[in-house]
Amino acid sequence: MDTTKKNNPVYSTTDTSKVNVSEEEWKKILSSDVFYIARQKGTERPWTSKFENFKEVGTYYCAACGNALFKSDTKFDSGCGWPSFYEPISKGSIIYTPDNTHGMERTEVQCGRCKAHLGHVFDDGPPPTGLRYCINGVILDFAKAKDAEKNYKEKPQQ
């Protein structure tokens, strides 16, 4: 994965500064499906994400700005139809906001860098946190762990 994206001047997997971009600019920068989820608080259909049954070792990033969000070892199969994690990569990587839409009381999770809508967090997850971060796969990018990939390639074939 590139640490930057063409046509997206705010995308960086190394810059942690907050992003403040107008909705009009986001519309120019992001693909329509990412814009729908990130900026319009949309939801992808369940069981359609390429990350739902994804087992690679690495890091998940915000597809809008490149902010590190989750490590693959915190991902689990919740059966809910969306990629699920029990813990963010750091306290500052996620913002929590009340969401009382659709007649429900939920907690929305947003990217801590660009405030993109990611999904919701629920208190029915596994130990050690008891949390389930239910995340739209469209808003995720992924990079393989370099050490794991290197070790795999250097491992003698049996």
N, C-alpha and C. Protein backbone atom coordinates (compact mmCIF):
# COMPACT_ATOMS: atom_id res chain seq x y z
N MET A 1 0.84 -1.18 0.00
CA MET A 1 0.00 0.00 0.00
C MET A 1 0.89 1.24 0.00
N ASP A 2 0.54 2.21 -0.82
CA ASP A 2 1.26 3.48 -0.82
C ASP A 2 0.95 4.23 0.46
N THR A 3 1.90 5.05 0.90
CA THR A 3 1.65 5.87 2.09
C THR A 3 0.87 7.13 1.71
N THR A 4 0.71 7.39 0.42
CA THR A 4 -0.11 8.49 -0.08
C THR A 4 -0.97 7.94 -1.21
N LYS A 5 -2.01 8.70 -1.57
CA LYS A 5 -2.87 8.30 -2.68
C LYS A 5 -2.92 9.43 -3.69
N LYS A 6 -2.87 9.07 -4.95
CA LYS A 6 -2.99 10.07 -5.99
C LYS A 6 -4.35 10.75 -5.87
N ASN A 7 -4.39 12.02 -6.16
CA ASN A 7 -5.62 12.83 -6.12
C ASN A 7 -6.18 13.03 -4.72
N ASN A 8 -5.45 12.59 -3.69
CA ASN A 8 -5.90 12.82 -2.32
C ASN A 8 -4.74 13.44 -1.53
N PRO A 9 -4.69 14.76 -1.48
CA PRO A 9 -3.55 15.43 -0.83
C PRO A 9 -3.50 15.24 0.69
N VAL A 10 -4.58 14.79 1.32
CA VAL A 10 -4.57 14.61 2.78
C VAL A 10 -4.22 13.18 3.19
N TYR A 11 -4.21 12.24 2.23
CA TYR A 11 -3.96 10.83 2.58
C TYR A 11 -2.51 10.61 2.94
N SER A 12 -2.28 10.12 4.15
CA SER A 12 -0.93 9.80 4.60
C SER A 12 -1.02 8.81 5.75
N THR A 13 -0.22 7.76 5.70
CA THR A 13 -0.19 6.80 6.80
C THR A 13 0.83 7.21 7.85
N THR A 14 1.51 8.34 7.63
CA THR A 14 2.51 8.80 8.60
C THR A 14 2.16 10.15 9.24
N ASP A 15 1.38 10.99 8.57
CA ASP A 15 1.00 12.30 9.10
C ASP A 15 -0.16 12.13 10.06
N THR A 16 -0.01 12.61 11.27
CA THR A 16 -1.08 12.47 12.27
C THR A 16 -1.82 13.78 12.54
N SER A 17 -1.48 14.84 11.79
CA SER A 17 -2.17 16.12 12.01
C SER A 17 -3.63 16.01 11.58
N LYS A 18 -4.49 16.76 12.28
CA LYS A 18 -5.92 16.74 11.99
C LYS A 18 -6.18 17.27 10.59
N VAL A 19 -7.20 16.71 9.94
CA VAL A 19 -7.57 17.11 8.58
C VAL A 19 -8.84 17.93 8.65
N ASN A 20 -8.81 19.11 8.03
CA ASN A 20 -9.99 19.97 7.98
C ASN A 20 -10.23 20.35 6.52
N VAL A 21 -11.12 19.61 5.88
CA VAL A 21 -11.40 19.78 4.47
C VAL A 21 -12.91 19.98 4.31
N SER A 22 -13.31 20.85 3.39
CA SER A 22 -14.74 21.09 3.16
C SER A 22 -15.38 19.85 2.53
N GLU A 23 -16.69 19.73 2.70
CA GLU A 23 -17.41 18.60 2.09
C GLU A 23 -17.26 18.63 0.58
N GLU A 24 -17.25 19.82 0.00
CA GLU A 24 -17.08 19.95 -1.44
C GLU A 24 -15.73 19.39 -1.90
N GLU A 25 -14.69 19.68 -1.11
CA GLU A 25 -13.36 19.16 -1.43
C GLU A 25 -13.30 17.64 -1.25
N TRP A 26 -13.92 17.13 -0.17
CA TRP A 26 -13.97 15.68 0.04
C TRP A 26 -14.61 14.99 -1.16
N LYS A 27 -15.65 15.60 -1.69
CA LYS A 27 -16.36 15.01 -2.82
C LYS A 27 -15.45 14.87 -4.04
N LYS A 28 -14.52 15.82 -4.20
CA LYS A 28 -13.57 15.77 -5.31
C LYS A 28 -12.48 14.73 -5.05
N ILE A 29 -12.09 14.57 -3.79
CA ILE A 29 -10.96 13.71 -3.41
C ILE A 29 -11.34 12.24 -3.36
N LEU A 30 -12.51 11.93 -2.78
CA LEU A 30 -12.88 10.54 -2.49
C LEU A 30 -13.71 9.91 -3.60
N SER A 31 -13.61 8.61 -3.75
CA SER A 31 -14.49 7.88 -4.66
C SER A 31 -15.91 7.99 -4.12
N SER A 32 -16.90 7.76 -4.95
CA SER A 32 -18.29 7.94 -4.53
C SER A 32 -18.68 7.01 -3.39
N ASP A 33 -18.20 5.75 -3.40
CA ASP A 33 -18.57 4.83 -2.32
C ASP A 33 -17.91 5.22 -1.00
N VAL A 34 -16.66 5.66 -1.04
CA VAL A 34 -15.99 6.10 0.19
C VAL A 34 -16.64 7.39 0.70
N PHE A 35 -16.97 8.31 -0.21
CA PHE A 35 -17.63 9.57 0.19
C PHE A 35 -18.96 9.27 0.89
N TYR A 36 -19.74 8.36 0.33
CA TYR A 36 -21.04 8.01 0.90
C TYR A 36 -20.91 7.51 2.34
N ILE A 37 -19.96 6.63 2.59
CA ILE A 37 -19.76 6.10 3.95
C ILE A 37 -19.13 7.17 4.85
N ALA A 38 -18.01 7.73 4.41
CA ALA A 38 -17.20 8.63 5.25
C ALA A 38 -17.89 9.94 5.58
N ARG A 39 -18.49 10.57 4.59
CA ARG A 39 -19.00 11.93 4.78
C ARG A 39 -20.52 11.98 4.95
N GLN A 40 -21.25 10.99 4.41
CA GLN A 40 -22.71 11.00 4.52
C GLN A 40 -23.21 9.97 5.53
N LYS A 41 -22.28 9.36 6.26
CA LYS A 41 -22.59 8.38 7.31
C LYS A 41 -23.41 7.21 6.76
N GLY A 42 -23.05 6.77 5.57
CA GLY A 42 -23.73 5.65 4.95
C GLY A 42 -23.31 4.33 5.57
N THR A 43 -23.95 3.27 5.10
CA THR A 43 -23.63 1.91 5.55
C THR A 43 -23.61 1.00 4.33
N GLU A 44 -22.55 0.22 4.22
CA GLU A 44 -22.51 -0.75 3.13
C GLU A 44 -23.39 -1.95 3.50
N ARG A 45 -23.84 -2.67 2.49
CA ARG A 45 -24.67 -3.85 2.74
C ARG A 45 -23.84 -4.89 3.51
N PRO A 46 -24.47 -5.60 4.45
CA PRO A 46 -23.73 -6.62 5.21
C PRO A 46 -23.21 -7.72 4.28
N TRP A 47 -22.10 -8.31 4.69
CA TRP A 47 -21.44 -9.42 4.01
C TRP A 47 -20.96 -9.09 2.60
N THR A 48 -20.75 -7.78 2.31
CA THR A 48 -20.25 -7.40 0.99
C THR A 48 -18.81 -6.89 1.05
N SER A 49 -18.26 -6.69 2.23
CA SER A 49 -16.92 -6.14 2.36
C SER A 49 -15.85 -7.18 2.04
N LYS A 50 -14.83 -6.75 1.31
CA LYS A 50 -13.70 -7.64 1.02
C LYS A 50 -12.95 -7.99 2.29
N PHE A 51 -13.15 -7.22 3.37
CA PHE A 51 -12.46 -7.47 4.63
C PHE A 51 -13.25 -8.33 5.61
N GLU A 52 -14.48 -8.71 5.26
CA GLU A 52 -15.31 -9.49 6.18
C GLU A 52 -14.63 -10.79 6.60
N ASN A 53 -14.10 -11.55 5.66
CA ASN A 53 -13.43 -12.83 5.97
C ASN A 53 -11.93 -12.76 5.70
N PHE A 54 -11.39 -11.58 5.72
CA PHE A 54 -9.98 -11.31 5.41
C PHE A 54 -9.10 -11.74 6.58
N LYS A 55 -8.02 -12.48 6.30
CA LYS A 55 -7.19 -13.04 7.38
C LYS A 55 -5.74 -12.56 7.35
N GLU A 56 -5.39 -11.63 6.47
CA GLU A 56 -4.00 -11.17 6.37
C GLU A 56 -3.56 -10.47 7.66
N VAL A 57 -2.27 -10.50 7.92
CA VAL A 57 -1.68 -9.85 9.10
C VAL A 57 -1.17 -8.47 8.70
N GLY A 58 -1.62 -7.45 9.43
CA GLY A 58 -1.19 -6.10 9.11
C GLY A 58 -2.00 -5.05 9.84
N THR A 59 -2.14 -3.89 9.20
CA THR A 59 -2.81 -2.74 9.80
C THR A 59 -3.91 -2.22 8.88
N TYR A 60 -5.03 -1.86 9.49
CA TYR A 60 -6.15 -1.25 8.77
C TYR A 60 -6.09 0.26 8.95
N TYR A 61 -6.25 0.99 7.85
CA TYR A 61 -6.17 2.44 7.82
C TYR A 61 -7.48 3.05 7.33
N CYS A 62 -7.70 4.32 7.66
CA CYS A 62 -8.84 5.06 7.13
C CYS A 62 -8.62 5.28 5.64
N ALA A 63 -9.58 4.89 4.81
CA ALA A 63 -9.46 5.03 3.37
C ALA A 63 -9.56 6.49 2.93
N ALA A 64 -10.08 7.36 3.79
CA ALA A 64 -10.20 8.78 3.44
C ALA A 64 -8.91 9.55 3.70
N CYS A 65 -8.21 9.23 4.81
CA CYS A 65 -7.04 10.05 5.16
C CYS A 65 -5.77 9.26 5.48
N GLY A 66 -5.84 7.94 5.61
CA GLY A 66 -4.66 7.12 5.89
C GLY A 66 -4.34 6.93 7.36
N ASN A 67 -5.18 7.41 8.25
CA ASN A 67 -4.96 7.26 9.69
C ASN A 67 -5.01 5.78 10.10
N ALA A 68 -4.04 5.33 10.88
CA ALA A 68 -4.04 3.94 11.38
C ALA A 68 -5.21 3.76 12.34
N LEU A 69 -6.00 2.71 12.14
CA LEU A 69 -7.20 2.48 12.94
C LEU A 69 -7.16 1.21 13.78
N PHE A 70 -6.84 0.08 13.15
CA PHE A 70 -6.89 -1.22 13.83
C PHE A 70 -5.74 -2.11 13.37
N LYS A 71 -5.27 -2.95 14.27
CA LYS A 71 -4.31 -4.02 13.92
C LYS A 71 -5.12 -5.28 13.63
N SER A 72 -4.61 -6.09 12.73
CA SER A 72 -5.34 -7.30 12.33
C SER A 72 -5.54 -8.28 13.48
N ASP A 73 -4.64 -8.27 14.48
CA ASP A 73 -4.81 -9.22 15.58
C ASP A 73 -5.96 -8.86 16.52
N THR A 74 -6.62 -7.70 16.29
CA THR A 74 -7.81 -7.36 17.08
C THR A 74 -9.09 -7.61 16.29
N LYS A 75 -8.96 -8.15 15.08
CA LYS A 75 -10.12 -8.45 14.24
C LYS A 75 -10.68 -9.82 14.65
N PHE A 76 -12.00 -9.93 14.64
CA PHE A 76 -12.63 -11.21 14.97
C PHE A 76 -13.90 -11.40 14.16
N ASP A 77 -14.37 -12.62 14.07
CA ASP A 77 -15.58 -12.94 13.33
C ASP A 77 -16.77 -12.80 14.27
N SER A 78 -17.49 -11.70 14.11
CA SER A 78 -18.64 -11.43 14.99
C SER A 78 -19.94 -12.00 14.42
N GLY A 79 -19.93 -12.32 13.13
CA GLY A 79 -21.13 -12.82 12.49
C GLY A 79 -22.13 -11.73 12.15
N CYS A 80 -21.73 -10.45 12.29
CA CYS A 80 -22.67 -9.34 12.06
C CYS A 80 -22.72 -8.90 10.60
N GLY A 81 -21.77 -9.34 9.78
CA GLY A 81 -21.78 -8.97 8.38
C GLY A 81 -20.83 -7.85 8.00
N TRP A 82 -20.14 -7.29 8.98
CA TRP A 82 -19.15 -6.24 8.74
C TRP A 82 -17.85 -6.61 9.45
N PRO A 83 -16.73 -6.12 8.96
CA PRO A 83 -15.47 -6.37 9.68
C PRO A 83 -15.60 -5.85 11.11
N SER A 84 -15.16 -6.67 12.07
CA SER A 84 -15.29 -6.32 13.48
C SER A 84 -13.95 -6.42 14.19
N PHE A 85 -13.73 -5.50 15.09
CA PHE A 85 -12.49 -5.42 15.86
C PHE A 85 -12.86 -5.19 17.32
N TYR A 86 -11.99 -5.62 18.25
CA TYR A 86 -12.30 -5.39 19.66
C TYR A 86 -11.53 -4.23 20.27
N GLU A 87 -10.59 -3.63 19.51
CA GLU A 87 -9.80 -2.54 20.08
C GLU A 87 -9.16 -1.71 18.97
N PRO A 88 -9.23 -0.37 19.07
CA PRO A 88 -8.53 0.47 18.09
C PRO A 88 -7.02 0.45 18.33
N ILE A 89 -6.27 0.91 17.36
CA ILE A 89 -4.81 0.89 17.44
C ILE A 89 -4.28 1.85 18.51
N SER A 90 -5.01 2.94 18.77
CA SER A 90 -4.64 3.88 19.83
C SER A 90 -5.87 4.65 20.28
N LYS A 91 -5.79 5.29 21.43
CA LYS A 91 -6.94 6.05 21.93
C LYS A 91 -7.32 7.19 21.00
N GLY A 92 -6.34 7.83 20.39
CA GLY A 92 -6.61 8.97 19.52
C GLY A 92 -7.02 8.63 18.10
N SER A 93 -6.97 7.35 17.76
CA SER A 93 -7.30 6.97 16.37
C SER A 93 -8.80 7.00 16.09
N ILE A 94 -9.60 6.99 17.14
CA ILE A 94 -11.06 6.93 17.01
C ILE A 94 -11.71 8.06 17.83
N ILE A 95 -12.79 8.63 17.29
CA ILE A 95 -13.63 9.59 18.01
C ILE A 95 -14.99 8.91 18.23
N TYR A 96 -15.54 9.09 19.41
CA TYR A 96 -16.84 8.49 19.76
C TYR A 96 -17.90 9.57 19.85
N THR A 97 -19.02 9.37 19.14
CA THR A 97 -20.12 10.33 19.19
C THR A 97 -21.45 9.61 19.34
N PRO A 98 -22.37 10.19 20.12
CA PRO A 98 -23.70 9.57 20.26
C PRO A 98 -24.43 9.56 18.92
N ASP A 99 -25.15 8.50 18.65
CA ASP A 99 -25.94 8.37 17.42
C ASP A 99 -27.32 7.86 17.80
N ASN A 100 -28.30 8.74 17.69
CA ASN A 100 -29.68 8.38 18.04
C ASN A 100 -30.58 8.30 16.81
N THR A 101 -29.98 8.06 15.65
CA THR A 101 -30.76 7.95 14.42
C THR A 101 -31.45 6.59 14.33
N HIS A 102 -32.42 6.51 13.46
CA HIS A 102 -33.14 5.26 13.18
C HIS A 102 -33.78 4.65 14.43
N GLY A 103 -34.13 5.49 15.40
CA GLY A 103 -34.81 5.02 16.61
C GLY A 103 -33.94 4.18 17.52
N MET A 104 -32.61 4.29 17.38
CA MET A 104 -31.68 3.50 18.20
C MET A 104 -30.76 4.42 18.98
N GLU A 105 -30.26 3.92 20.10
CA GLU A 105 -29.20 4.61 20.83
C GLU A 105 -27.91 3.83 20.61
N ARG A 106 -27.00 4.44 19.84
CA ARG A 106 -25.75 3.78 19.53
C ARG A 106 -24.60 4.77 19.70
N THR A 107 -23.39 4.25 19.60
CA THR A 107 -22.20 5.10 19.61
C THR A 107 -21.52 4.97 18.26
N GLU A 108 -21.48 6.10 17.55
CA GLU A 108 -20.79 6.14 16.26
C GLU A 108 -19.29 6.24 16.51
N VAL A 109 -18.50 5.60 15.64
CA VAL A 109 -17.06 5.77 15.67
C VAL A 109 -16.63 6.47 14.39
N GLN A 110 -15.77 7.48 14.59
CA GLN A 110 -15.25 8.27 13.49
C GLN A 110 -13.73 8.23 13.52
N CYS A 111 -13.12 8.49 12.38
CA CYS A 111 -11.67 8.57 12.31
C CYS A 111 -11.19 9.74 13.17
N GLY A 112 -10.18 9.49 13.99
CA GLY A 112 -9.65 10.52 14.86
C GLY A 112 -8.88 11.61 14.14
N ARG A 113 -8.56 11.39 12.87
CA ARG A 113 -7.80 12.38 12.11
C ARG A 113 -8.70 13.22 11.20
N CYS A 114 -9.64 12.59 10.48
CA CYS A 114 -10.46 13.34 9.51
C CYS A 114 -11.96 13.32 9.82
N LYS A 115 -12.34 12.64 10.89
CA LYS A 115 -13.74 12.54 11.32
C LYS A 115 -14.64 11.80 10.32
N ALA A 116 -14.05 10.94 9.52
CA ALA A 116 -14.86 10.11 8.61
C ALA A 116 -15.69 9.13 9.44
N HIS A 117 -16.92 8.90 9.01
CA HIS A 117 -17.76 7.89 9.65
C HIS A 117 -17.16 6.52 9.34
N LEU A 118 -16.94 5.72 10.39
CA LEU A 118 -16.39 4.38 10.23
C LEU A 118 -17.44 3.30 10.45
N GLY A 119 -18.29 3.51 11.45
CA GLY A 119 -19.29 2.51 11.84
C GLY A 119 -19.75 2.81 13.24
N HIS A 120 -19.94 1.75 14.03
CA HIS A 120 -20.43 1.89 15.41
C HIS A 120 -19.69 0.93 16.33
N VAL A 121 -19.71 1.23 17.62
CA VAL A 121 -19.12 0.34 18.61
C VAL A 121 -20.24 -0.13 19.55
N PHE A 122 -20.19 -1.42 19.89
CA PHE A 122 -21.19 -2.05 20.75
C PHE A 122 -20.48 -2.77 21.89
N ASP A 123 -21.20 -3.02 22.97
CA ASP A 123 -20.60 -3.65 24.16
C ASP A 123 -20.84 -5.15 24.22
N ASP A 124 -20.87 -5.79 23.05
CA ASP A 124 -21.09 -7.25 23.01
C ASP A 124 -19.91 -7.98 22.36
N GLY A 125 -18.71 -7.41 22.49
CA GLY A 125 -17.52 -8.01 21.89
C GLY A 125 -16.81 -8.98 22.82
N PRO A 126 -15.74 -9.56 22.33
CA PRO A 126 -14.98 -10.55 23.11
C PRO A 126 -14.02 -9.90 24.11
N PRO A 127 -13.47 -10.69 25.02
CA PRO A 127 -12.40 -10.19 25.88
C PRO A 127 -11.20 -9.81 24.98
N PRO A 128 -10.33 -8.95 25.36
CA PRO A 128 -10.24 -8.37 26.70
C PRO A 128 -11.07 -7.09 26.89
N THR A 129 -11.63 -6.53 25.81
CA THR A 129 -12.33 -5.24 25.96
C THR A 129 -13.84 -5.37 26.11
N GLY A 130 -14.42 -6.45 25.59
CA GLY A 130 -15.87 -6.59 25.59
C GLY A 130 -16.54 -5.70 24.56
N LEU A 131 -15.75 -5.10 23.66
CA LEU A 131 -16.28 -4.19 22.65
C LEU A 131 -16.25 -4.81 21.27
N ARG A 132 -17.20 -4.38 20.43
CA ARG A 132 -17.24 -4.80 19.02
C ARG A 132 -17.33 -3.54 18.17
N TYR A 133 -16.23 -3.21 17.52
CA TYR A 133 -16.22 -2.11 16.58
C TYR A 133 -16.67 -2.68 15.24
N CYS A 134 -17.87 -2.32 14.84
CA CYS A 134 -18.49 -2.82 13.62
C CYS A 134 -18.22 -1.77 12.53
N ILE A 135 -17.32 -2.08 11.59
CA ILE A 135 -16.77 -1.07 10.69
C ILE A 135 -17.13 -1.36 9.23
N ASN A 136 -17.52 -0.32 8.52
CA ASN A 136 -17.76 -0.44 7.09
C ASN A 136 -16.44 -0.72 6.38
N GLY A 137 -16.37 -1.81 5.64
CA GLY A 137 -15.13 -2.17 4.95
C GLY A 137 -14.72 -1.19 3.88
N VAL A 138 -15.68 -0.48 3.29
CA VAL A 138 -15.39 0.50 2.24
C VAL A 138 -14.46 1.59 2.77
N ILE A 139 -14.54 1.92 4.03
CA ILE A 139 -13.74 3.00 4.62
C ILE A 139 -12.39 2.50 5.13
N LEU A 140 -12.07 1.24 4.88
CA LEU A 140 -10.79 0.68 5.33
C LEU A 140 -9.82 0.45 4.17
N ASP A 141 -8.56 0.77 4.43
CA ASP A 141 -7.44 0.34 3.60
C ASP A 141 -6.64 -0.63 4.45
N PHE A 142 -5.80 -1.43 3.82
CA PHE A 142 -5.03 -2.43 4.56
C PHE A 142 -3.61 -2.48 4.04
N ALA A 143 -2.66 -2.63 4.96
CA ALA A 143 -1.26 -2.87 4.58
C ALA A 143 -0.76 -4.09 5.34
N LYS A 144 -0.15 -5.01 4.60
CA LYS A 144 0.42 -6.21 5.23
C LYS A 144 1.56 -5.84 6.16
N ALA A 145 1.70 -6.63 7.19
CA ALA A 145 2.83 -6.44 8.11
C ALA A 145 4.11 -6.83 7.37
N LYS A 146 5.04 -5.92 7.30
CA LYS A 146 6.28 -6.15 6.54
C LYS A 146 7.11 -7.30 7.13
N ASP A 147 7.24 -7.34 8.45
CA ASP A 147 8.03 -8.40 9.07
C ASP A 147 7.41 -9.77 8.84
N ALA A 148 6.10 -9.83 8.95
CA ALA A 148 5.41 -11.11 8.75
C ALA A 148 5.58 -11.58 7.31
N GLU A 149 5.46 -10.66 6.38
CA GLU A 149 5.62 -11.02 4.97
C GLU A 149 7.06 -11.48 4.70
N LYS A 150 8.03 -10.76 5.25
CA LYS A 150 9.44 -11.11 5.08
C LYS A 150 9.73 -12.49 5.67
N ASN A 151 9.25 -12.75 6.89
CA ASN A 151 9.46 -14.04 7.54
C ASN A 151 8.84 -15.17 6.74
N TYR A 152 7.66 -14.92 6.20
CA TYR A 152 6.99 -15.95 5.40
C TYR A 152 7.81 -16.30 4.16
N LYS A 153 8.32 -15.27 3.49
CA LYS A 153 9.09 -15.50 2.26
C LYS A 153 10.42 -16.17 2.54
N GLU A 154 11.00 -15.92 3.71
CA GLU A 154 12.30 -16.52 4.06
C GLU A 154 12.16 -17.89 4.67
N LYS A 155 10.95 -18.27 5.05
CA LYS A 155 10.72 -19.57 5.70
C LYS A 155 11.01 -20.70 4.70
N PRO A 156 11.80 -21.69 5.11
CA PRO A 156 12.08 -22.81 4.20
C PRO A 156 10.79 -23.55 3.84
N GLN A 157 10.64 -23.86 2.58
CA GLN A 157 9.47 -24.60 2.12
C GLN A 157 9.61 -26.07 2.48
N GLN A 158 8.55 -26.66 2.98
CA GLN A 158 8.59 -28.07 3.41
C GLN A 158 8.03 -28.98 2.35
